[in-house]
PDB file of N, CA and C in Angstrom:
ATOM      1  N   MET A   1      56.098   7.984-186.352  1.00  0.00           N
ATOM      2  CA  MET A   1      57.364   8.235-185.691  1.00  0.00           C
ATOM      3  C   MET A   1      58.109   6.925-185.493  1.00  0.00           C
ATOM      4  N   GLU A   2      59.416   7.000-185.632  1.00  0.00           N
ATOM      5  CA  GLU A   2      60.271   5.850-185.342  1.00  0.00           C
ATOM      6  C   GLU A   2      60.549   5.837-183.835  1.00  0.00           C
ATOM      7  N   LYS A   3      59.679   5.165-183.102  1.00  0.00           N
ATOM      8  CA  LYS A   3      59.780   5.170-181.646  1.00  0.00           C
ATOM      9  C   LYS A   3      61.131   4.643-181.132  1.00  0.00           C
ATOM     10  N   PRO A   4      61.695   3.561-181.721  1.00  0.00           N
ATOM     11  CA  PRO A   4      63.009   3.091-181.238  1.00  0.00           C
ATOM     12  C   PRO A   4      64.109   4.155-181.365  1.00  0.00           C
ATOM     13  N   LYS A   5      64.086   4.945-182.439  1.00  0.00           N
ATOM     14  CA  LYS A   5      65.085   6.001-182.611  1.00  0.00           C
ATOM     15  C   LYS A   5      64.918   7.063-181.514  1.00  0.00           C
ATOM     16  N   PHE A   6      63.681   7.469-181.262  1.00  0.00           N
ATOM     17  CA  PHE A   6      63.406   8.460-180.224  1.00  0.00           C
ATOM     18  C   PHE A   6      63.852   7.937-178.863  1.00  0.00           C
ATOM     19  N   GLN A   7      63.531   6.696-178.563  1.00  0.00           N
ATOM     20  CA  GLN A   7      63.893   6.114-177.268  1.00  0.00           C
ATOM     21  C   GLN A   7      65.403   5.984-177.107  1.00  0.00           C
ATOM     22  N   SER A   8      66.096   5.642-178.183  1.00  0.00           N
ATOM     23  CA  SER A   8      67.553   5.547-178.136  1.00  0.00           C
ATOM     24  C   SER A   8      68.168   6.917-177.834  1.00  0.00           C
ATOM     25  N   LEU A   9      67.674   7.952-178.504  1.00  0.00           N
ATOM     26  CA  LEU A   9      68.172   9.308-178.238  1.00  0.00           C
ATOM     27  C   LEU A   9      67.865   9.712-176.795  1.00  0.00           C
ATOM     28  N   ALA A  10      66.665   9.404-176.312  1.00  0.00           N
ATOM     29  CA  ALA A  10      66.292   9.750-174.933  1.00  0.00           C
ATOM     30  C   ALA A  10      67.238   9.090-173.936  1.00  0.00           C
ATOM     31  N   ARG A  11      67.574   7.824-174.137  1.00  0.00           N
ATOM     32  CA  ARG A  11      68.508   7.126-173.238  1.00  0.00           C
ATOM     33  C   ARG A  11      69.887   7.782-173.274  1.00  0.00           C
ATOM     34  N   HIS A  12      70.346   8.125-174.475  1.00  0.00           N
ATOM     35  CA  HIS A  12      71.655   8.772-174.638  1.00  0.00           C
ATOM     36  C   HIS A  12      71.699  10.098-173.873  1.00  0.00           C
ATOM     37  N   LEU A  13      70.658  10.901-174.025  1.00  0.00           N
ATOM     38  CA  LEU A  13      70.623  12.202-173.357  1.00  0.00           C
ATOM     39  C   LEU A  13      70.554  12.054-171.847  1.00  0.00           C
ATOM     40  N   LYS A  14      69.795  11.092-171.370  1.00  0.00           N
ATOM     41  CA  LYS A  14      69.692  10.882-169.921  1.00  0.00           C
ATOM     42  C   LYS A  14      71.044  10.490-169.326  1.00  0.00           C
ATOM     43  N   ARG A  15      71.828   9.717-170.075  1.00  0.00           N
ATOM     44  CA  ARG A  15      73.164   9.336-169.597  1.00  0.00           C
ATOM     45  C   ARG A  15      74.103  10.545-169.536  1.00  0.00           C
ATOM     46  N   LYS A  16      73.917  11.490-170.435  1.00  0.00           N
ATOM     47  CA  LYS A  16      74.787  12.656-170.521  1.00  0.00           C
ATOM     48  C   LYS A  16      74.461  13.732-169.490  1.00  0.00           C
ATOM     49  N   LEU A  17      73.214  13.809-169.061  1.00  0.00           N
ATOM     50  CA  LEU A  17      72.784  14.910-168.199  1.00  0.00           C
ATOM     51  C   LEU A  17      73.452  14.870-166.834  1.00  0.00           C
ATOM     52  N   PRO A  18      74.056  15.982-166.432  1.00  0.00           N
ATOM     53  CA  PRO A  18      74.698  16.055-165.116  1.00  0.00           C
ATOM     54  C   PRO A  18      73.735  16.596-164.047  1.00  0.00           C
ATOM     55  N   LEU A  19      72.491  16.177-164.109  1.00  0.00           N
ATOM     56  CA  LEU A  19      71.497  16.694-163.170  1.00  0.00           C
ATOM     57  C   LEU A  19      71.535  15.925-161.862  1.00  0.00           C
ATOM     58  N   GLY A  20      71.209  16.622-160.786  1.00  0.00           N
ATOM     59  CA  GLY A  20      71.160  15.979-159.485  1.00  0.00           C
ATOM     60  C   GLY A  20      69.828  15.317-159.195  1.00  0.00           C
ATOM     61  N   VAL A  21      68.897  15.420-160.127  1.00  0.00           N
ATOM     62  CA  VAL A  21      67.586  14.797-159.943  1.00  0.00           C
ATOM     63  C   VAL A  21      67.256  13.947-161.165  1.00  0.00           C
ATOM     64  N   PRO A  22      66.407  12.940-160.990  1.00  0.00           N
ATOM     65  CA  PRO A  22      66.041  12.085-162.125  1.00  0.00           C
ATOM     66  C   PRO A  22      65.268  12.852-163.193  1.00  0.00           C
ATOM     67  N   ILE A  23      65.306  12.318-164.401  1.00  0.00           N
ATOM     68  CA  ILE A  23      64.562  12.895-165.510  1.00  0.00           C
ATOM     69  C   ILE A  23      63.725  11.798-166.148  1.00  0.00           C
ATOM     70  N   SER A  24      62.471  12.106-166.400  1.00  0.00           N
ATOM     71  CA  SER A  24      61.549  11.170-167.026  1.00  0.00           C
ATOM     72  C   SER A  24      61.148  11.755-168.373  1.00  0.00           C
ATOM     73  N   ILE A  25      61.307  10.982-169.435  1.00  0.00           N
ATOM     74  CA  ILE A  25      60.972  11.430-170.790  1.00  0.00           C
ATOM     75  C   ILE A  25      59.838  10.558-171.294  1.00  0.00           C
ATOM     76  N   ARG A  26      58.740  11.205-171.706  1.00  0.00           N
ATOM     77  CA  ARG A  26      57.541  10.478-172.115  1.00  0.00           C
ATOM     78  C   ARG A  26      56.987  11.015-173.428  1.00  0.00           C
ATOM     79  N   LEU A  27      56.512  10.105-174.257  1.00  0.00           N
ATOM     80  CA  LEU A  27      55.722  10.487-175.421  1.00  0.00           C
ATOM     81  C   LEU A  27      54.281  10.590-174.937  1.00  0.00           C
ATOM     82  N   ARG A  28      53.809  11.811-174.769  1.00  0.00           N
ATOM     83  CA  ARG A  28      52.467  12.063-174.235  1.00  0.00           C
ATOM     84  C   ARG A  28      51.911  13.323-174.875  1.00  0.00           C
ATOM     85  N   ARG A  29      50.618  13.384-174.965  1.00  0.00           N
ATOM     86  CA  ARG A  29      49.967  14.611-175.417  1.00  0.00           C
ATOM     87  C   ARG A  29      50.330  15.745-174.454  1.00  0.00           C
ATOM     88  N   VAL A  30      50.464  16.932-175.004  1.00  0.00           N
ATOM     89  CA  VAL A  30      50.784  18.107-174.208  1.00  0.00           C
ATOM     90  C   VAL A  30      49.672  19.140-174.402  1.00  0.00           C
ATOM     91  N   PRO A  31      49.633  20.172-173.552  1.00  0.00           N
ATOM     92  CA  PRO A  31      48.581  21.182-173.702  1.00  0.00           C
ATOM     93  C   PRO A  31      48.543  21.777-175.107  1.00  0.00           C
ATOM     94  N   ARG A  32      47.377  22.266-175.478  1.00  0.00           N
ATOM     95  CA  ARG A  32      47.184  22.856-176.810  1.00  0.00           C
ATOM     96  C   ARG A  32      48.257  23.872-177.134  1.00  0.00           C
ATOM     97  N   ARG A  33      48.576  23.931-178.410  1.00  0.00           N
ATOM     98  CA  ARG A  33      49.561  24.885-178.947  1.00  0.00           C
ATOM     99  C   ARG A  33      50.996  24.577-178.535  1.00  0.00           C
ATOM    100  N   ARG A  34      51.224  23.389-178.013  1.00  0.00           N
ATOM    101  CA  ARG A  34      52.583  22.981-177.658  1.00  0.00           C
ATOM    102  C   ARG A  34      52.872  21.638-178.323  1.00  0.00           C
ATOM    103  N   ILE A  35      54.169  21.397-178.533  1.00  0.00           N
ATOM    104  CA  ILE A  35      54.567  20.094-179.050  1.00  0.00           C
ATOM    105  C   ILE A  35      55.427  19.346-178.044  1.00  0.00           C
ATOM    106  N   GLY A  36      55.802  20.046-176.960  1.00  0.00           N
ATOM    107  CA  GLY A  36      56.566  19.436-175.885  1.00  0.00           C
ATOM    108  C   GLY A  36      56.643  20.385-174.714  1.00  0.00           C
ATOM    109  N   ASP A  37      57.008  19.840-173.560  1.00  0.00           N
ATOM    110  CA  ASP A  37      57.223  20.700-172.399  1.00  0.00           C
ATOM    111  C   ASP A  37      58.140  20.018-171.406  1.00  0.00           C
ATOM    112  N   CYS A  38      58.648  20.827-170.474  1.00  0.00           N
ATOM    113  CA  CYS A  38      59.539  20.358-169.418  1.00  0.00           C
ATOM    114  C   CYS A  38      59.053  20.970-168.117  1.00  0.00           C
ATOM    115  N   THR A  39      58.799  20.124-167.129  1.00  0.00           N
ATOM    116  CA  THR A  39      58.362  20.602-165.816  1.00  0.00           C
ATOM    117  C   THR A  39      59.207  19.924-164.746  1.00  0.00           C
ATOM    118  N   SER A  40      59.174  20.493-163.552  1.00  0.00           N
ATOM    119  CA  SER A  40      59.882  19.893-162.430  1.00  0.00           C
ATOM    120  C   SER A  40      59.065  20.094-161.168  1.00  0.00           C
ATOM    121  N   ASP A  41      59.049  19.066-160.338  1.00  0.00           N
ATOM    122  CA  ASP A  41      58.396  19.191-159.038  1.00  0.00           C
ATOM    123  C   ASP A  41      59.439  19.349-157.926  1.00  0.00           C
ATOM    124  N   GLY A  42      60.684  19.571-158.311  1.00  0.00           N
ATOM    125  CA  GLY A  42      61.765  19.718-157.345  1.00  0.00           C
ATOM    126  C   GLY A  42      62.514  18.424-157.070  1.00  0.00           C
ATOM    127  N   THR A  43      61.909  17.303-157.418  1.00  0.00           N
ATOM    128  CA  THR A  43      62.572  16.015-157.222  1.00  0.00           C
ATOM    129  C   THR A  43      62.806  15.270-158.533  1.00  0.00           C
ATOM    130  N   THR A  44      62.017  15.602-159.557  1.00  0.00           N
ATOM    131  CA  THR A  44      62.106  14.926-160.854  1.00  0.00           C
ATOM    132  C   THR A  44      61.766  15.916-161.964  1.00  0.00           C
ATOM    133  N   PHE A  45      62.481  15.811-163.076  1.00  0.00           N
ATOM    134  CA  PHE A  45      62.100  16.533-164.286  1.00  0.00           C
ATOM    135  C   PHE A  45      61.202  15.624-165.110  1.00  0.00           C
ATOM    136  N   LEU A  46      60.165  16.191-165.700  1.00  0.00           N
ATOM    137  CA  LEU A  46      59.295  15.457-166.612  1.00  0.00           C
ATOM    138  C   LEU A  46      59.309  16.188-167.945  1.00  0.00           C
ATOM    139  N   ILE A  47      59.740  15.479-168.975  1.00  0.00           N
ATOM    140  CA  ILE A  47      59.715  16.005-170.334  1.00  0.00           C
ATOM    141  C   ILE A  47      58.667  15.218-171.096  1.00  0.00           C
ATOM    142  N   ARG A  48      57.757  15.959-171.730  1.00  0.00           N
ATOM    143  CA  ARG A  48      56.730  15.327-172.559  1.00  0.00           C
ATOM    144  C   ARG A  48      56.886  15.824-173.991  1.00  0.00           C
ATOM    145  N   VAL A  49      56.812  14.887-174.928  1.00  0.00           N
ATOM    146  CA  VAL A  49      56.875  15.203-176.351  1.00  0.00           C
ATOM    147  C   VAL A  49      55.643  14.586-177.001  1.00  0.00           C
ATOM    148  N   ASP A  50      54.975  15.375-177.823  1.00  0.00           N
ATOM    149  CA  ASP A  50      53.746  14.913-178.459  1.00  0.00           C
ATOM    150  C   ASP A  50      54.030  13.726-179.384  1.00  0.00           C
ATOM    151  N   PRO A  51      53.333  12.605-179.199  1.00  0.00           N
ATOM    152  CA  PRO A  51      53.590  11.413-180.008  1.00  0.00           C
ATOM    153  C   PRO A  51      53.121  11.522-181.458  1.00  0.00           C
ATOM    154  N   SER A  52      52.348  12.561-181.775  1.00  0.00           N
ATOM    155  CA  SER A  52      51.871  12.698-183.155  1.00  0.00           C
ATOM    156  C   SER A  52      52.917  13.340-184.067  1.00  0.00           C
ATOM    157  N   LEU A  53      54.034  13.788-183.511  1.00  0.00           N
ATOM    158  CA  LEU A  53      55.088  14.411-184.309  1.00  0.00           C
ATOM    159  C   LEU A  53      55.827  13.372-185.130  1.00  0.00           C
ATOM    160  N   GLY A  54      56.422  13.816-186.213  1.00  0.00           N
ATOM    161  CA  GLY A  54      57.321  12.958-186.964  1.00  0.00           C
ATOM    162  C   GLY A  54      58.607  12.745-186.170  1.00  0.00           C
ATOM    163  N   THR A  55      59.400  11.790-186.571  1.00  0.00           N
ATOM    164  CA  THR A  55      60.610  11.438-185.825  1.00  0.00           C
ATOM    165  C   THR A  55      61.568  12.618-185.667  1.00  0.00           C
ATOM    166  N   ASP A  56      61.868  13.308-186.757  1.00  0.00           N
ATOM    167  CA  ASP A  56      62.825  14.415-186.678  1.00  0.00           C
ATOM    168  C   ASP A  56      62.304  15.542-185.796  1.00  0.00           C
ATOM    169  N   GLU A  57      61.023  15.870-185.928  1.00  0.00           N
ATOM    170  CA  GLU A  57      60.461  16.943-185.107  1.00  0.00           C
ATOM    171  C   GLU A  57      60.402  16.531-183.636  1.00  0.00           C
ATOM    172  N   ALA A  58      60.081  15.264-183.368  1.00  0.00           N
ATOM    173  CA  ALA A  58      60.048  14.779-181.982  1.00  0.00           C
ATOM    174  C   ALA A  58      61.446  14.822-181.373  1.00  0.00           C
ATOM    175  N   CYS A  59      62.450  14.418-182.123  1.00  0.00           N
ATOM    176  CA  CYS A  59      63.826  14.452-181.606  1.00  0.00           C
ATOM    177  C   CYS A  59      64.289  15.889-181.384  1.00  0.00           C
ATOM    178  N   GLY A  60      63.953  16.792-182.293  1.00  0.00           N
ATOM    179  CA  GLY A  60      64.298  18.196-182.115  1.00  0.00           C
ATOM    180  C   GLY A  60      63.614  18.809-180.901  1.00  0.00           C
ATOM    181  N   THR A  61      62.368  18.446-180.698  1.00  0.00           N
ATOM    182  CA  THR A  61      61.627  18.921-179.524  1.00  0.00           C
ATOM    183  C   THR A  61      62.255  18.379-178.253  1.00  0.00           C
ATOM    184  N   LEU A  62      62.641  17.107-178.269  1.00  0.00           N
ATOM    185  CA  LEU A  62      63.297  16.505-177.114  1.00  0.00           C
ATOM    186  C   LEU A  62      64.585  17.264-176.772  1.00  0.00           C
ATOM    187  N   LEU A  63      65.395  17.579-177.774  1.00  0.00           N
ATOM    188  CA  LEU A  63      66.627  18.323-177.532  1.00  0.00           C
ATOM    189  C   LEU A  63      66.330  19.674-176.879  1.00  0.00           C
ATOM    190  N   HIS A  64      65.324  20.359-177.379  1.00  0.00           N
ATOM    191  CA  HIS A  64      64.937  21.659-176.836  1.00  0.00           C
ATOM    192  C   HIS A  64      64.508  21.542-175.373  1.00  0.00           C
ATOM    193  N   GLU A  65      63.698  20.551-175.068  1.00  0.00           N
ATOM    194  CA  GLU A  65      63.193  20.391-173.697  1.00  0.00           C
ATOM    195  C   GLU A  65      64.298  19.927-172.741  1.00  0.00           C
ATOM    196  N   VAL A  66      65.224  19.111-173.201  1.00  0.00           N
ATOM    197  CA  VAL A  66      66.359  18.709-172.363  1.00  0.00           C
ATOM    198  C   VAL A  66      67.213  19.937-172.035  1.00  0.00           C
ATOM    199  N   ALA A  67      67.356  20.859-172.988  1.00  0.00           N
ATOM    200  CA  ALA A  67      68.089  22.097-172.715  1.00  0.00           C
ATOM    201  C   ALA A  67      67.393  22.899-171.614  1.00  0.00           C
ATOM    202  N   HIS A  68      66.062  22.866-171.590  1.00  0.00           N
ATOM    203  CA  HIS A  68      65.345  23.532-170.497  1.00  0.00           C
ATOM    204  C   HIS A  68      65.692  22.879-169.158  1.00  0.00           C
ATOM    205  N   ALA A  69      65.719  21.564-169.113  1.00  0.00           N
ATOM    206  CA  ALA A  69      66.060  20.876-167.858  1.00  0.00           C
ATOM    207  C   ALA A  69      67.479  21.237-167.415  1.00  0.00           C
ATOM    208  N   LEU A  70      68.389  21.272-168.367  1.00  0.00           N
ATOM    209  CA  LEU A  70      69.787  21.551-168.058  1.00  0.00           C
ATOM    210  C   LEU A  70      69.985  22.979-167.525  1.00  0.00           C
ATOM    211  N   SER A  71      69.187  23.907-168.014  1.00  0.00           N
ATOM    212  CA  SER A  71      69.350  25.308-167.601  1.00  0.00           C
ATOM    213  C   SER A  71      68.308  25.736-166.572  1.00  0.00           C
ATOM    214  N   TRP A  72      67.565  24.800-166.026  1.00  0.00           N
ATOM    215  CA  TRP A  72      66.443  25.098-165.129  1.00  0.00           C
ATOM    216  C   TRP A  72      66.846  26.071-164.016  1.00  0.00           C
ATOM    217  N   GLY A  73      66.124  27.187-163.945  1.00  0.00           N
ATOM    218  CA  GLY A  73      66.317  28.144-162.863  1.00  0.00           C
ATOM    219  C   GLY A  73      67.505  29.079-163.008  1.00  0.00           C
ATOM    220  N   LEU A  74      68.372  28.874-163.977  1.00  0.00           N
ATOM    221  CA  LEU A  74      69.575  29.698-164.095  1.00  0.00           C
ATOM    222  C   LEU A  74      69.325  31.037-164.788  1.00  0.00           C
ATOM    223  N   ASP A  75      68.325  31.097-165.658  1.00  0.00           N
ATOM    224  CA  ASP A  75      68.043  32.326-166.387  1.00  0.00           C
ATOM    225  C   ASP A  75      67.061  33.236-165.656  1.00  0.00           C
ATOM    226  N   GLY A  76      66.550  32.809-164.538  1.00  0.00           N
ATOM    227  CA  GLY A  76      65.585  33.619-163.811  1.00  0.00           C
ATOM    228  C   GLY A  76      64.160  33.184-164.102  1.00  0.00           C
ATOM    229  N   PRO A  77      63.237  33.561-163.235  1.00  0.00           N
ATOM    230  CA  PRO A  77      61.869  33.054-163.319  1.00  0.00           C
ATOM    231  C   PRO A  77      61.086  33.507-164.544  1.00  0.00           C
ATOM    232  N   ASP A  78      61.460  34.628-165.142  1.00  0.00           N
ATOM    233  CA  ASP A  78      60.690  35.143-166.273  1.00  0.00           C
ATOM    234  C   ASP A  78      61.388  34.952-167.609  1.00  0.00           C
ATOM    235  N   GLU A  79      62.454  34.191-167.632  1.00  0.00           N
ATOM    236  CA  GLU A  79      63.242  34.038-168.859  1.00  0.00           C
ATOM    237  C   GLU A  79      63.424  32.567-169.186  1.00  0.00           C
ATOM    238  N   ASP A  80      62.676  32.085-170.190  1.00  0.00           N
ATOM    239  CA  ASP A  80      62.772  30.673-170.576  1.00  0.00           C
ATOM    240  C   ASP A  80      63.874  30.395-171.588  1.00  0.00           C
ATOM    241  N   HIS A  81      64.268  31.394-172.359  1.00  0.00           N
ATOM    242  CA  HIS A  81      65.220  31.174-173.441  1.00  0.00           C
ATOM    243  C   HIS A  81      66.359  32.196-173.376  1.00  0.00           C
ATOM    244  N   GLY A  82      66.923  32.344-172.195  1.00  0.00           N
ATOM    245  CA  GLY A  82      67.997  33.312-171.973  1.00  0.00           C
ATOM    246  C   GLY A  82      69.375  32.743-172.265  1.00  0.00           C
ATOM    247  N   GLU A  83      70.363  33.412-171.735  1.00  0.00           N
ATOM    248  CA  GLU A  83      71.767  33.060-171.988  1.00  0.00           C
ATOM    249  C   GLU A  83      72.100  31.631-171.570  1.00  0.00           C
ATOM    250  N   PHE A  84      71.674  31.212-170.378  1.00  0.00           N
ATOM    251  CA  PHE A  84      71.992  29.859-169.908  1.00  0.00           C
ATOM    252  C   PHE A  84      71.293  28.802-170.752  1.00  0.00           C
ATOM    253  N   PHE A  85      70.056  29.092-171.161  1.00  0.00           N
ATOM    254  CA  PHE A  85      69.341  28.156-172.033  1.00  0.00           C
ATOM    255  C   PHE A  85      70.081  28.000-173.354  1.00  0.00           C
ATOM    256  N   ARG A  86      70.494  29.106-173.948  1.00  0.00           N
ATOM    257  CA  ARG A  86      71.190  29.017-175.245  1.00  0.00           C
ATOM    258  C   ARG A  86      72.483  28.216-175.122  1.00  0.00           C
ATOM    259  N   HIS A  87      73.213  28.393-174.030  1.00  0.00           N
ATOM    260  CA  HIS A  87      74.419  27.596-173.804  1.00  0.00           C
ATOM    261  C   HIS A  87      74.049  26.114-173.633  1.00  0.00           C
ATOM    262  N   ALA A  88      73.012  25.844-172.863  1.00  0.00           N
ATOM    263  CA  ALA A  88      72.570  24.464-172.645  1.00  0.00           C
ATOM    264  C   ALA A  88      72.136  23.835-173.958  1.00  0.00           C
ATOM    265  N   GLU A  89      71.443  24.596-174.792  1.00  0.00           N
ATOM    266  CA  GLU A  89      70.986  24.050-176.070  1.00  0.00           C
ATOM    267  C   GLU A  89      72.161  23.682-176.968  1.00  0.00           C
ATOM    268  N   ARG A  90      73.202  24.503-176.988  1.00  0.00           N
ATOM    269  CA  ARG A  90      74.403  24.154-177.777  1.00  0.00           C
ATOM    270  C   ARG A  90      75.031  22.865-177.247  1.00  0.00           C
ATOM    271  N   THR A  91      75.080  22.721-175.930  1.00  0.00           N
ATOM    272  CA  THR A  91      75.643  21.511-175.320  1.00  0.00           C
ATOM    273  C   THR A  91      74.833  20.286-175.697  1.00  0.00           C
ATOM    274  N   VAL A  92      73.518  20.395-175.594  1.00  0.00           N
ATOM    275  CA  VAL A  92      72.635  19.262-175.912  1.00  0.00           C
ATOM    276  C   VAL A  92      72.765  18.876-177.384  1.00  0.00           C
ATOM    277  N   TRP A  93      72.858  19.861-178.263  1.00  0.00           N
ATOM    278  CA  TRP A  93      73.035  19.551-179.683  1.00  0.00           C
ATOM    279  C   TRP A  93      74.374  18.867-179.937  1.00  0.00           C
ATOM    280  N   SER A  94      75.412  19.204-179.182  1.00  0.00           N
ATOM    281  CA  SER A  94      76.692  18.504-179.360  1.00  0.00           C
ATOM    282  C   SER A  94      76.548  17.042-178.940  1.00  0.00           C
ATOM    283  N   TRP A  95      75.774  16.781-177.886  1.00  0.00           N
ATOM    284  CA  TRP A  95      75.508  15.394-177.480  1.00  0.00           C
ATOM    285  C   TRP A  95      74.739  14.652-178.567  1.00  0.00           C
ATOM    286  N   TYR A  96      73.799  15.346-179.195  1.00  0.00           N
ATOM    287  CA  TYR A  96      73.002  14.753-180.277  1.00  0.00           C
ATOM    288  C   TYR A  96      73.899  14.380-181.461  1.00  0.00           C
ATOM    289  N   LEU A  97      74.783  15.284-181.839  1.00  0.00           N
ATOM    290  CA  LEU A  97      75.687  14.997-182.955  1.00  0.00           C
ATOM    291  C   LEU A  97      76.601  13.811-182.643  1.00  0.00           C
ATOM    292  N   ALA A  98      77.057  13.715-181.392  1.00  0.00           N
ATOM    293  CA  ALA A  98      77.858  12.555-180.987  1.00  0.00           C
ATOM    294  C   ALA A  98      77.040  11.282-181.093  1.00  0.00           C
ATOM    295  N   TRP A  99      75.779  11.339-180.700  1.00  0.00           N
ATOM    296  CA  TRP A  99      74.886  10.164-180.794  1.00  0.00           C
ATOM    297  C   TRP A  99      74.716   9.751-182.252  1.00  0.00           C
ATOM    298  N   LEU A 100      74.547  10.737-183.145  1.00  0.00           N
ATOM    299  CA  LEU A 100      74.396  10.420-184.566  1.00  0.00           C
ATOM    300  C   LEU A 100      75.648   9.734-185.119  1.00  0.00           C
ATOM    301  N   ARG A 101      76.815  10.134-184.602  1.00  0.00           N
ATOM    302  CA  ARG A 101      78.073   9.526-185.054  1.00  0.00           C
ATOM    303  C   ARG A 101      78.344   8.177-184.395  1.00  0.00           C
ATOM    304  N   GLY A 102      77.484   7.800-183.439  1.00  0.00           N
ATOM    305  CA  GLY A 102      77.658   6.527-182.767  1.00  0.00           C
ATOM    306  C   GLY A 102      78.639   6.580-181.609  1.00  0.00           C
ATOM    307  N   GLU A 103      78.926   7.736-181.116  1.00  0.00           N
ATOM    308  CA  GLU A 103      79.895   7.886-180.022  1.00  0.00           C
ATOM    309  C   GLU A 103      79.240   7.670-178.682  1.00  0.00           C
TER     310      GLU A 103
END
């Protein structure tokens, strides 16, 4: 993985997020059968992305998990990929495209 590219994208996304709580993004192993996850303890979001992924897959996973942070709690307790998540994911991808263009 190109760690500098991943870290640059992570910094860009953290600057864009309108969250009222801090977000921590880490390259760390995640539970089996996952490549990333997003959790919150009520004071901080923690996003973990598996470091064994290739650069493109790690960046895509990061975008997905940031969308979870952005839509946290809005879709209801039993819905991880509902309407608010899909809207958040489109927003996060627009930030990613701006980052690719150097904006």
